[in-house]
Amino acid sequence: MKTVNSIIALALMAATSTMVQAESIDVKVIGTIAPVACTPTISGGGIIDYGNIPTNTLSATDYTLLAEKQLDFAITCEAPVKLALKATNGRPGTLAGVTESASGFGNAPLKGFFGSTGSVGVAGLGLSSEKKIGGYGLRIDAASSTADGKKVDTIQRISGGRWANTQLGSVMAISDRELTWAEVGTITPVSFTNMTGKLGVQAYINKTSELDLTQPIDLDGLSTLELVYL
């Protein structure tokens, strides 16, 4: 019995010694929780075409506001989700008549955009012979928006602040702006699977005294609409 006890004791000591000397190993738990996939679409390939603009319809001493043009837009998601739209200016440094803010947009140098008498954010139309061609505003037509077949209000927030109703639906602003939708009469973002509405664009042309009219001038505005998950 004494021999047996000694063997057991040695075995325990050896086992204990092995555990102390063993190296550690990490166990990691990984994975990704992906947001619901959403696909935005815009009619006409997202192109607003003003066609040929006769120079005799433009002013040498003032900016010329062109008519608003609209495109259909839709957002289709795999499941109900809350998200907002945010615009990025693809032609920085080309806005005519005003200085762009850090957001890439500026306040329009004339009134009347989208039938409004207030100030509207705009982006540049590119350069021609190093001259600034003009600018344009971009909006969600608030009266046209539906979420899963139901009419909704358009709401906005500036620089991550509180949500507020917007009748104009302008996507551009001198401060960071996000637009989303809420049930009628509320200002709380609503979840949706399918969103539809109309996207409005209205451009203005710089004073012809500031342009080189000896050659064709091609409007070259570009903005990106980003989906922001809320």
Foldseek 3Di string as FASTA:
>chain_A
DVVVVVVVVVVVVVVVVVVVPDDDDDDDDDDDDDDWDKDKDKPPRPDDDPDDDDPVQAAQPFKAKDDKDKIKMKMATPDWFFKWKAKAWPAAPQAPPDHAAPRRWDWAPDAQPPHDRDTAIWHFQHDDPNFRWHIKWKFFQQQFKDFPRHRWFKWKDFPPDAIDGDNGGTNGDSTTMIIATDHPPDRDTGIGRMMIGMMMMIIMTDNCNRDDPPDDDDGHTDMDMDMGGD
